[in-house]
Amino acid sequence: MDAVGPTHRMGAQPNADAKGQNDAELMDVARKLEASFLSEMLKSAGIGKTPDGFGGGAGEDQFASFLRQAQAEEMVKSGGIGLAQSLFDALKEQDNGGL
């Protein structure tokens, strides 16, 4: 282990704490990817689109993406659509060298 963080040596098995931390990091990345996907789907569905009539103007357009992202993150926290688990499994397989 160096000052920056753990190193992966050939033949060396990471300890259980490092493996658990790595799994947590992979799941966090998978959840962020699912939230980004859901945010784009919400955008495609027209969520946050400025109404043609009495809207909030340019400011509303600029901040609509933040609202969609927050909504998508809450969707993921509530269980999402299961994409995070699939992404986690794929990332874990890749991390373990099982391509």
PDB file of N, CA and C in Angstrom:
ATOM      1  N   MET A   1       0.851  -1.164   0.000  1.00  0.00           N
ATOM      2  CA  MET A   1       0.000   0.000   0.000  1.00  0.00           C
ATOM      3  C   MET A   1       0.900   1.231   0.000  1.00  0.00           C
ATOM      4  N   ASP A   2       0.617   2.181  -0.903  1.00  0.00           N
ATOM      5  CA  ASP A   2       1.397   3.406  -0.929  1.00  0.00           C
ATOM      6  C   ASP A   2       0.610   4.524  -0.255  1.00  0.00           C
ATOM      7  N   ALA A   3       1.171   5.729  -0.252  1.00  0.00           N
ATOM      8  CA  ALA A   3       0.546   6.853   0.439  1.00  0.00           C
ATOM      9  C   ALA A   3      -0.762   7.292  -0.215  1.00  0.00           C
ATOM     10  N   VAL A   4      -0.905   7.027  -1.493  1.00  0.00           N
ATOM     11  CA  VAL A   4      -2.095   7.464  -2.208  1.00  0.00           C
ATOM     12  C   VAL A   4      -3.267   6.536  -1.945  1.00  0.00           C
ATOM     13  N   GLY A   5      -3.049   5.271  -1.906  1.00  0.00           N
ATOM     14  CA  GLY A   5      -4.132   4.321  -1.698  1.00  0.00           C
ATOM     15  C   GLY A   5      -3.641   2.910  -1.930  1.00  0.00           C
ATOM     16  N   PRO A   6      -4.528   1.937  -1.851  1.00  0.00           N
ATOM     17  CA  PRO A   6      -4.109   0.549  -2.043  1.00  0.00           C
ATOM     18  C   PRO A   6      -3.692   0.294  -3.485  1.00  0.00           C
ATOM     19  N   THR A   7      -2.725  -0.550  -3.637  1.00  0.00           N
ATOM     20  CA  THR A   7      -2.291  -0.945  -4.975  1.00  0.00           C
ATOM     21  C   THR A   7      -2.702  -2.389  -5.193  1.00  0.00           C
ATOM     22  N   HIS A   8      -2.924  -2.743  -6.440  1.00  0.00           N
ATOM     23  CA  HIS A   8      -3.286  -4.106  -6.777  1.00  0.00           C
ATOM     24  C   HIS A   8      -2.049  -4.792  -7.330  1.00  0.00           C
ATOM     25  N   ARG A   9      -1.579  -5.789  -6.588  1.00  0.00           N
ATOM     26  CA  ARG A   9      -0.410  -6.554  -7.019  1.00  0.00           C
ATOM     27  C   ARG A   9      -0.882  -7.862  -7.620  1.00  0.00           C
ATOM     28  N   MET A  10      -0.141  -8.344  -8.587  1.00  0.00           N
ATOM     29  CA  MET A  10      -0.474  -9.619  -9.198  1.00  0.00           C
ATOM     30  C   MET A  10      -0.422 -10.699  -8.131  1.00  0.00           C
ATOM     31  N   GLY A  11      -1.465 -11.469  -8.030  1.00  0.00           N
ATOM     32  CA  GLY A  11      -1.504 -12.575  -7.087  1.00  0.00           C
ATOM     33  C   GLY A  11      -1.942 -12.177  -5.694  1.00  0.00           C
ATOM     34  N   ALA A  12      -1.966 -10.894  -5.392  1.00  0.00           N
ATOM     35  CA  ALA A  12      -2.374 -10.450  -4.064  1.00  0.00           C
ATOM     36  C   ALA A  12      -3.879 -10.265  -4.041  1.00  0.00           C
ATOM     37  N   GLN A  13      -4.538 -10.805  -3.024  1.00  0.00           N
ATOM     38  CA  GLN A  13      -5.974 -10.660  -2.868  1.00  0.00           C
ATOM     39  C   GLN A  13      -6.256  -9.479  -1.955  1.00  0.00           C
ATOM     40  N   PRO A  14      -7.143  -8.570  -2.373  1.00  0.00           N
ATOM     41  CA  PRO A  14      -7.489  -7.464  -1.499  1.00  0.00           C
ATOM     42  C   PRO A  14      -8.231  -7.992  -0.273  1.00  0.00           C
ATOM     43  N   ASN A  15      -8.048  -7.319   0.876  1.00  0.00           N
ATOM     44  CA  ASN A  15      -8.730  -7.773   2.079  1.00  0.00           C
ATOM     45  C   ASN A  15     -10.218  -7.484   1.968  1.00  0.00           C
ATOM     46  N   ALA A  16     -10.994  -8.030   2.895  1.00  0.00           N
ATOM     47  CA  ALA A  16     -12.454  -7.931   2.826  1.00  0.00           C
ATOM     48  C   ALA A  16     -12.927  -6.490   2.908  1.00  0.00           C
ATOM     49  N   ASP A  17     -12.266  -5.649   3.722  1.00  0.00           N
ATOM     50  CA  ASP A  17     -12.681  -4.252   3.844  1.00  0.00           C
ATOM     51  C   ASP A  17     -12.497  -3.516   2.525  1.00  0.00           C
ATOM     52  N   ALA A  18     -11.354  -3.730   1.872  1.00  0.00           N
ATOM     53  CA  ALA A  18     -11.096  -3.067   0.593  1.00  0.00           C
ATOM     54  C   ALA A  18     -12.080  -3.557  -0.467  1.00  0.00           C
ATOM     55  N   LYS A  19     -12.393  -4.846  -0.426  1.00  0.00           N
ATOM     56  CA  LYS A  19     -13.329  -5.408  -1.393  1.00  0.00           C
ATOM     57  C   LYS A  19     -14.730  -4.832  -1.162  1.00  0.00           C
ATOM     58  N   GLY A  20     -15.130  -4.717   0.092  1.00  0.00           N
ATOM     59  CA  GLY A  20     -16.435  -4.138   0.407  1.00  0.00           C
ATOM     60  C   GLY A  20     -16.512  -2.672   0.011  1.00  0.00           C
ATOM     61  N   GLN A  21     -15.416  -1.953   0.237  1.00  0.00           N
ATOM     62  CA  GLN A  21     -15.374  -0.534  -0.149  1.00  0.00           C
ATOM     63  C   GLN A  21     -15.441  -0.411  -1.667  1.00  0.00           C
ATOM     64  N   ASN A  22     -14.736  -1.281  -2.368  1.00  0.00           N
ATOM     65  CA  ASN A  22     -14.768  -1.260  -3.829  1.00  0.00           C
ATOM     66  C   ASN A  22     -16.171  -1.557  -4.344  1.00  0.00           C
ATOM     67  N   ASP A  23     -16.853  -2.524  -3.724  1.00  0.00           N
ATOM     68  CA  ASP A  23     -18.229  -2.825  -4.122  1.00  0.00           C
ATOM     69  C   ASP A  23     -19.137  -1.626  -3.886  1.00  0.00           C
ATOM     70  N   ALA A  24     -18.951  -0.940  -2.762  1.00  0.00           N
ATOM     71  CA  ALA A  24     -19.763   0.248  -2.456  1.00  0.00           C
ATOM     72  C   ALA A  24     -19.511   1.346  -3.487  1.00  0.00           C
ATOM     73  N   GLU A  25     -18.251   1.513  -3.880  1.00  0.00           N
ATOM     74  CA  GLU A  25     -17.919   2.520  -4.888  1.00  0.00           C
ATOM     75  C   GLU A  25     -18.528   2.158  -6.237  1.00  0.00           C
ATOM     76  N   LEU A  26     -18.479   0.878  -6.601  1.00  0.00           N
ATOM     77  CA  LEU A  26     -19.068   0.431  -7.864  1.00  0.00           C
ATOM     78  C   LEU A  26     -20.583   0.630  -7.861  1.00  0.00           C
ATOM     79  N   MET A  27     -21.230   0.335  -6.732  1.00  0.00           N
ATOM     80  CA  MET A  27     -22.683   0.527  -6.650  1.00  0.00           C
ATOM     81  C   MET A  27     -23.026   2.007  -6.728  1.00  0.00           C
ATOM     82  N   ASP A  28     -22.205   2.860  -6.116  1.00  0.00           N
ATOM     83  CA  ASP A  28     -22.432   4.302  -6.189  1.00  0.00           C
ATOM     84  C   ASP A  28     -22.348   4.784  -7.638  1.00  0.00           C
ATOM     85  N   VAL A  29     -21.352   4.303  -8.366  1.00  0.00           N
ATOM     86  CA  VAL A  29     -21.202   4.662  -9.777  1.00  0.00           C
ATOM     87  C   VAL A  29     -22.402   4.151 -10.576  1.00  0.00           C
ATOM     88  N   ALA A  30     -22.837   2.934 -10.295  1.00  0.00           N
ATOM     89  CA  ALA A  30     -23.980   2.361 -11.006  1.00  0.00           C
ATOM     90  C   ALA A  30     -25.252   3.168 -10.746  1.00  0.00           C
ATOM     91  N   ARG A  31     -25.445   3.604  -9.504  1.00  0.00           N
ATOM     92  CA  ARG A  31     -26.624   4.420  -9.183  1.00  0.00           C
ATOM     93  C   ARG A  31     -26.564   5.775  -9.880  1.00  0.00           C
ATOM     94  N   LYS A  32     -25.374   6.366  -9.953  1.00  0.00           N
ATOM     95  CA  LYS A  32     -25.230   7.643 -10.651  1.00  0.00           C
ATOM     96  C   LYS A  32     -25.525   7.483 -12.142  1.00  0.00           C
ATOM     97  N   LEU A  33     -25.078   6.384 -12.720  1.00  0.00           N
ATOM     98  CA  LEU A  33     -25.362   6.122 -14.134  1.00  0.00           C
ATOM     99  C   LEU A  33     -26.859   5.931 -14.363  1.00  0.00           C
ATOM    100  N   GLU A  34     -27.516   5.200 -13.451  1.00  0.00           N
ATOM    101  CA  GLU A  34     -28.964   5.018 -13.593  1.00  0.00           C
ATOM    102  C   GLU A  34     -29.680   6.359 -13.464  1.00  0.00           C
ATOM    103  N   ALA A  35     -29.250   7.201 -12.525  1.00  0.00           N
ATOM    104  CA  ALA A  35     -29.876   8.513 -12.355  1.00  0.00           C
ATOM    105  C   ALA A  35     -29.689   9.365 -13.609  1.00  0.00           C
ATOM    106  N   SER A  36     -28.516   9.312 -14.206  1.00  0.00           N
ATOM    107  CA  SER A  36     -28.276  10.065 -15.446  1.00  0.00           C
ATOM    108  C   SER A  36     -29.177   9.563 -16.569  1.00  0.00           C
ATOM    109  N   PHE A  37     -29.315   8.254 -16.662  1.00  0.00           N
ATOM    110  CA  PHE A  37     -30.199   7.661 -17.674  1.00  0.00           C
ATOM    111  C   PHE A  37     -31.641   8.108 -17.456  1.00  0.00           C
ATOM    112  N   LEU A  38     -32.096   8.018 -16.204  1.00  0.00           N
ATOM    113  CA  LEU A  38     -33.475   8.416 -15.909  1.00  0.00           C
ATOM    114  C   LEU A  38     -33.700   9.902 -16.166  1.00  0.00           C
ATOM    115  N   SER A  39     -32.701  10.718 -15.871  1.00  0.00           N
ATOM    116  CA  SER A  39     -32.803  12.150 -16.130  1.00  0.00           C
ATOM    117  C   SER A  39     -33.004  12.414 -17.621  1.00  0.00           C
ATOM    118  N   GLU A  40     -32.260  11.710 -18.444  1.00  0.00           N
ATOM    119  CA  GLU A  40     -32.415  11.854 -19.898  1.00  0.00           C
ATOM    120  C   GLU A  40     -33.786  11.359 -20.363  1.00  0.00           C
ATOM    121  N   MET A  41     -34.285  10.299 -19.746  1.00  0.00           N
ATOM    122  CA  MET A  41     -35.613   9.795 -20.109  1.00  0.00           C
ATOM    123  C   MET A  41     -36.692  10.793 -19.692  1.00  0.00           C
ATOM    124  N   LEU A  42     -36.527  11.424 -18.528  1.00  0.00           N
ATOM    125  CA  LEU A  42     -37.473  12.451 -18.097  1.00  0.00           C
ATOM    126  C   LEU A  42     -37.451  13.635 -19.057  1.00  0.00           C
ATOM    127  N   LYS A  43     -36.258  13.989 -19.528  1.00  0.00           N
ATOM    128  CA  LYS A  43     -36.131  15.084 -20.490  1.00  0.00           C
ATOM    129  C   LYS A  43     -36.851  14.725 -21.789  1.00  0.00           C
ATOM    130  N   SER A  44     -36.660  13.504 -22.251  1.00  0.00           N
ATOM    131  CA  SER A  44     -37.315  13.061 -23.484  1.00  0.00           C
ATOM    132  C   SER A  44     -38.827  13.031 -23.332  1.00  0.00           C
ATOM    133  N   ALA A  45     -39.288  12.764 -22.114  1.00  0.00           N
ATOM    134  CA  ALA A  45     -40.727  12.722 -21.849  1.00  0.00           C
ATOM    135  C   ALA A  45     -41.324  14.117 -21.709  1.00  0.00           C
ATOM    136  N   GLY A  46     -40.470  15.136 -21.683  1.00  0.00           N
ATOM    137  CA  GLY A  46     -40.957  16.510 -21.602  1.00  0.00           C
ATOM    138  C   GLY A  46     -41.082  17.049 -20.191  1.00  0.00           C
ATOM    139  N   ILE A  47     -40.570  16.307 -19.200  1.00  0.00           N
ATOM    140  CA  ILE A  47     -40.618  16.783 -17.821  1.00  0.00           C
ATOM    141  C   ILE A  47     -39.680  17.978 -17.689  1.00  0.00           C
ATOM    142  N   GLY A  48     -40.185  19.064 -17.133  1.00  0.00           N
ATOM    143  CA  GLY A  48     -39.373  20.260 -16.941  1.00  0.00           C
ATOM    144  C   GLY A  48     -39.364  21.193 -18.131  1.00  0.00           C
ATOM    145  N   LYS A  49     -40.118  20.839 -19.171  1.00  0.00           N
ATOM    146  CA  LYS A  49     -40.181  21.702 -20.354  1.00  0.00           C
ATOM    147  C   LYS A  49     -40.943  22.977 -20.010  1.00  0.00           C
ATOM    148  N   THR A  50     -40.409  24.108 -20.442  1.00  0.00           N
ATOM    149  CA  THR A  50     -41.053  25.387 -20.181  1.00  0.00           C
ATOM    150  C   THR A  50     -42.354  25.474 -20.949  1.00  0.00           C
ATOM    151  N   PRO A  51     -43.444  25.814 -20.252  1.00  0.00           N
ATOM    152  CA  PRO A  51     -44.718  25.960 -20.961  1.00  0.00           C
ATOM    153  C   PRO A  51     -44.661  27.112 -21.959  1.00  0.00           C
ATOM    154  N   ASP A  52     -45.437  27.004 -23.018  1.00  0.00           N
ATOM    155  CA  ASP A  52     -45.444  28.039 -24.052  1.00  0.00           C
ATOM    156  C   ASP A  52     -46.027  29.355 -23.545  1.00  0.00           C
ATOM    157  N   GLY A  53     -46.972  29.285 -22.622  1.00  0.00           N
ATOM    158  CA  GLY A  53     -47.648  30.488 -22.131  1.00  0.00           C
ATOM    159  C   GLY A  53     -46.855  31.191 -21.040  1.00  0.00           C
ATOM    160  N   PHE A  54     -47.379  31.146 -19.863  1.00  0.00           N
ATOM    161  CA  PHE A  54     -46.785  31.859 -18.729  1.00  0.00           C
ATOM    162  C   PHE A  54     -45.769  30.973 -18.025  1.00  0.00           C
ATOM    163  N   GLY A  55     -44.543  31.002 -18.485  1.00  0.00           N
ATOM    164  CA  GLY A  55     -43.481  30.214 -17.884  1.00  0.00           C
ATOM    165  C   GLY A  55     -42.557  31.076 -17.060  1.00  0.00           C
ATOM    166  N   GLY A  56     -41.518  30.479 -16.568  1.00  0.00           N
ATOM    167  CA  GLY A  56     -40.564  31.171 -15.719  1.00  0.00           C
ATOM    168  C   GLY A  56     -39.445  31.842 -16.488  1.00  0.00           C
ATOM    169  N   GLY A  57     -39.507  31.808 -17.799  1.00  0.00           N
ATOM    170  CA  GLY A  57     -38.503  32.483 -18.605  1.00  0.00           C
ATOM    171  C   GLY A  57     -37.221  31.684 -18.753  1.00  0.00           C
ATOM    172  N   ALA A  58     -36.151  32.417 -19.064  1.00  0.00           N
ATOM    173  CA  ALA A  58     -34.850  31.781 -19.322  1.00  0.00           C
ATOM    174  C   ALA A  58     -34.319  31.064 -18.088  1.00  0.00           C
ATOM    175  N   GLY A  59     -34.580  31.600 -16.919  1.00  0.00           N
ATOM    176  CA  GLY A  59     -34.105  30.970 -15.685  1.00  0.00           C
ATOM    177  C   GLY A  59     -34.687  29.591 -15.479  1.00  0.00           C
ATOM    178  N   GLU A  60     -35.955  29.452 -15.827  1.00  0.00           N
ATOM    179  CA  GLU A  60     -36.607  28.151 -15.677  1.00  0.00           C
ATOM    180  C   GLU A  60     -35.964  27.129 -16.606  1.00  0.00           C
ATOM    181  N   ASP A  61     -35.673  27.529 -17.827  1.00  0.00           N
ATOM    182  CA  ASP A  61     -35.009  26.630 -18.777  1.00  0.00           C
ATOM    183  C   ASP A  61     -33.651  26.184 -18.257  1.00  0.00           C
ATOM    184  N   GLN A  62     -32.918  27.117 -17.670  1.00  0.00           N
ATOM    185  CA  GLN A  62     -31.565  26.805 -17.222  1.00  0.00           C
ATOM    186  C   GLN A  62     -31.549  25.875 -16.020  1.00  0.00           C
ATOM    187  N   PHE A  63     -32.560  25.956 -15.161  1.00  0.00           N
ATOM    188  CA  PHE A  63     -32.556  25.142 -13.955  1.00  0.00           C
ATOM    189  C   PHE A  63     -33.406  23.883 -14.064  1.00  0.00           C
ATOM    190  N   ALA A  64     -34.079  23.692 -15.175  1.00  0.00           N
ATOM    191  CA  ALA A  64     -34.919  22.506 -15.357  1.00  0.00           C
ATOM    192  C   ALA A  64     -34.082  21.229 -15.302  1.00  0.00           C
ATOM    193  N   SER A  65     -32.858  21.265 -15.807  1.00  0.00           N
ATOM    194  CA  SER A  65     -32.016  20.069 -15.786  1.00  0.00           C
ATOM    195  C   SER A  65     -31.658  19.666 -14.364  1.00  0.00           C
ATOM    196  N   PHE A  66     -31.483  20.638 -13.477  1.00  0.00           N
ATOM    197  CA  PHE A  66     -31.187  20.325 -12.074  1.00  0.00           C
ATOM    198  C   PHE A  66     -32.383  19.641 -11.416  1.00  0.00           C
ATOM    199  N   LEU A  67     -33.582  20.115 -11.727  1.00  0.00           N
ATOM    200  CA  LEU A  67     -34.788  19.506 -11.184  1.00  0.00           C
ATOM    201  C   LEU A  67     -34.933  18.076 -11.686  1.00  0.00           C
ATOM    202  N   ARG A  68     -34.730  17.869 -12.991  1.00  0.00           N
ATOM    203  CA  ARG A  68     -34.828  16.515 -13.546  1.00  0.00           C
ATOM    204  C   ARG A  68     -33.807  15.593 -12.903  1.00  0.00           C
ATOM    205  N   GLN A  69     -32.575  16.077 -12.706  1.00  0.00           N
ATOM    206  CA  GLN A  69     -31.534  15.254 -12.093  1.00  0.00           C
ATOM    207  C   GLN A  69     -31.909  14.893 -10.661  1.00  0.00           C
ATOM    208  N   ALA A  70     -32.428  15.861  -9.902  1.00  0.00           N
ATOM    209  CA  ALA A  70     -32.842  15.595  -8.524  1.00  0.00           C
ATOM    210  C   ALA A  70     -33.991  14.588  -8.495  1.00  0.00           C
ATOM    211  N   GLN A  71     -34.941  14.722  -9.420  1.00  0.00           N
ATOM    212  CA  GLN A  71     -36.045  13.771  -9.489  1.00  0.00           C
ATOM    213  C   GLN A  71     -35.531  12.371  -9.828  1.00  0.00           C
ATOM    214  N   ALA A  72     -34.604  12.294 -10.756  1.00  0.00           N
ATOM    215  CA  ALA A  72     -34.033  10.999 -11.145  1.00  0.00           C
ATOM    216  C   ALA A  72     -33.284  10.361  -9.978  1.00  0.00           C
ATOM    217  N   GLU A  73     -32.533  11.155  -9.226  1.00  0.00           N
ATOM    218  CA  GLU A  73     -31.802  10.630  -8.065  1.00  0.00           C
ATOM    219  C   GLU A  73     -32.764  10.095  -7.016  1.00  0.00           C
ATOM    220  N   GLU A  74     -33.879  10.777  -6.811  1.00  0.00           N
ATOM    221  CA  GLU A  74     -34.884  10.298  -5.854  1.00  0.00           C
ATOM    222  C   GLU A  74     -35.530   9.004  -6.358  1.00  0.00           C
ATOM    223  N   MET A  75     -35.723   8.902  -7.652  1.00  0.00           N
ATOM    224  CA  MET A  75     -36.267   7.674  -8.222  1.00  0.00           C
ATOM    225  C   MET A  75     -35.325   6.506  -7.948  1.00  0.00           C
ATOM    226  N   VAL A  76     -34.014   6.732  -8.112  1.00  0.00           N
ATOM    227  CA  VAL A  76     -33.023   5.683  -7.866  1.00  0.00           C
ATOM    228  C   VAL A  76     -33.029   5.293  -6.389  1.00  0.00           C
ATOM    229  N   LYS A  77     -33.112   6.291  -5.490  1.00  0.00           N
ATOM    230  CA  LYS A  77     -33.153   6.006  -4.050  1.00  0.00           C
ATOM    231  C   LYS A  77     -34.366   5.157  -3.680  1.00  0.00           C
ATOM    232  N   SER A  78     -35.445   5.321  -4.435  1.00  0.00           N
ATOM    233  CA  SER A  78     -36.681   4.579  -4.171  1.00  0.00           C
ATOM    234  C   SER A  78     -36.696   3.215  -4.847  1.00  0.00           C
ATOM    235  N   GLY A  79     -35.616   2.831  -5.457  1.00  0.00           N
ATOM    236  CA  GLY A  79     -35.532   1.519  -6.096  1.00  0.00           C
ATOM    237  C   GLY A  79     -35.285   1.575  -7.584  1.00  0.00           C
ATOM    238  N   GLY A  80     -35.556   2.720  -8.179  1.00  0.00           N
ATOM    239  CA  GLY A  80     -35.273   2.898  -9.602  1.00  0.00           C
ATOM    240  C   GLY A  80     -35.972   1.884 -10.477  1.00  0.00           C
ATOM    241  N   ILE A  81     -35.333   1.575 -11.575  1.00  0.00           N
ATOM    242  CA  ILE A  81     -35.892   0.616 -12.535  1.00  0.00           C
ATOM    243  C   ILE A  81     -35.053  -0.664 -12.611  1.00  0.00           C
ATOM    244  N   GLY A  82     -34.107  -0.805 -11.695  1.00  0.00           N
ATOM    245  CA  GLY A  82     -33.268  -2.002 -11.663  1.00  0.00           C
ATOM    246  C   GLY A  82     -32.017  -1.911 -12.514  1.00  0.00           C
ATOM    247  N   LEU A  83     -31.831  -0.788 -13.158  1.00  0.00           N
ATOM    248  CA  LEU A  83     -30.666  -0.631 -14.019  1.00  0.00           C
ATOM    249  C   LEU A  83     -29.366  -0.587 -13.215  1.00  0.00           C
ATOM    250  N   ALA A  84     -29.405   0.010 -12.025  1.00  0.00           N
ATOM    251  CA  ALA A  84     -28.194   0.128 -11.206  1.00  0.00           C
ATOM    252  C   ALA A  84     -27.622  -1.245 -10.865  1.00  0.00           C
ATOM    253  N   GLN A  85     -28.484  -2.211 -10.539  1.00  0.00           N
ATOM    254  CA  GLN A  85     -27.997  -3.545 -10.197  1.00  0.00           C
ATOM    255  C   GLN A  85     -27.335  -4.209 -11.399  1.00  0.00           C
ATOM    256  N   SER A  86     -27.939  -4.060 -12.572  1.00  0.00           N
ATOM    257  CA  SER A  86     -27.342  -4.633 -13.788  1.00  0.00           C
ATOM    258  C   SER A  86     -26.003  -3.988 -14.096  1.00  0.00           C
ATOM    259  N   LEU A  87     -25.945  -2.663 -13.943  1.00  0.00           N
ATOM    260  CA  LEU A  87     -24.682  -1.954 -14.168  1.00  0.00           C
ATOM    261  C   LEU A  87     -23.631  -2.378 -13.147  1.00  0.00           C
ATOM    262  N   PHE A  88     -24.044  -2.512 -11.885  1.00  0.00           N
ATOM    263  CA  PHE A  88     -23.119  -2.952 -10.833  1.00  0.00           C
ATOM    264  C   PHE A  88     -22.532  -4.318 -11.166  1.00  0.00           C
ATOM    265  N   ASP A  89     -23.412  -5.251 -11.560  1.00  0.00           N
ATOM    266  CA  ASP A  89     -22.942  -6.600 -11.907  1.00  0.00           C
ATOM    267  C   ASP A  89     -21.935  -6.560 -13.052  1.00  0.00           C
ATOM    268  N   ALA A  90     -22.207  -5.753 -14.066  1.00  0.00           N
ATOM    269  CA  ALA A  90     -21.281  -5.636 -15.202  1.00  0.00           C
ATOM    270  C   ALA A  90     -19.971  -4.990 -14.791  1.00  0.00           C
ATOM    271  N   LEU A  91     -20.046  -3.937 -13.954  1.00  0.00           N
ATOM    272  CA  LEU A  91     -18.818  -3.282 -13.485  1.00  0.00           C
ATOM    273  C   LEU A  91     -17.996  -4.213 -12.602  1.00  0.00           C
ATOM    274  N   LYS A  92     -18.672  -4.961 -11.749  1.00  0.00           N
ATOM    275  CA  LYS A  92     -17.971  -5.889 -10.857  1.00  0.00           C
ATOM    276  C   LYS A  92     -17.287  -6.983 -11.656  1.00  0.00           C
ATOM    277  N   GLU A  93     -17.976  -7.495 -12.666  1.00  0.00           N
ATOM    278  CA  GLU A  93     -17.385  -8.536 -13.516  1.00  0.00           C
ATOM    279  C   GLU A  93     -16.147  -7.986 -14.237  1.00  0.00           C
ATOM    280  N   GLN A  94     -16.258  -6.759 -14.739  1.00  0.00           N
ATOM    281  CA  GLN A  94     -15.129  -6.131 -15.415  1.00  0.00           C
ATOM    282  C   GLN A  94     -13.992  -5.877 -14.442  1.00  0.00           C
ATOM    283  N   ASP A  95     -14.320  -5.431 -13.218  1.00  0.00           N
ATOM    284  CA  ASP A  95     -13.307  -5.146 -12.195  1.00  0.00           C
ATOM    285  C   ASP A  95     -12.582  -6.424 -11.790  1.00  0.00           C
ATOM    286  N   ASN A  96     -13.290  -7.564 -11.797  1.00  0.00           N
ATOM    287  CA  ASN A  96     -12.688  -8.846 -11.434  1.00  0.00           C
ATOM    288  C   ASN A  96     -11.943  -9.484 -12.590  1.00  0.00           C
ATOM    289  N   GLY A  97     -11.952  -8.825 -13.748  1.00  0.00           N
ATOM    290  CA  GLY A  97     -11.222  -9.351 -14.893  1.00  0.00           C
ATOM    291  C   GLY A  97     -11.973 -10.434 -15.649  1.00  0.00           C
ATOM    292  N   GLY A  98     -13.294 -10.479 -15.488  1.00  0.00           N
ATOM    293  CA  GLY A  98     -14.071 -11.520 -16.135  1.00  0.00           C
ATOM    294  C   GLY A  98     -14.693 -11.079 -17.424  1.00  0.00           C
ATOM    295  N   LEU A  99     -13.933 -10.444 -18.293  1.00  0.00           N
ATOM    296  CA  LEU A  99     -14.491 -10.003 -19.576  1.00  0.00           C
ATOM    297  C   LEU A  99     -14.765 -11.147 -20.469  1.00  0.00           C
TER     298      LEU A  99
END
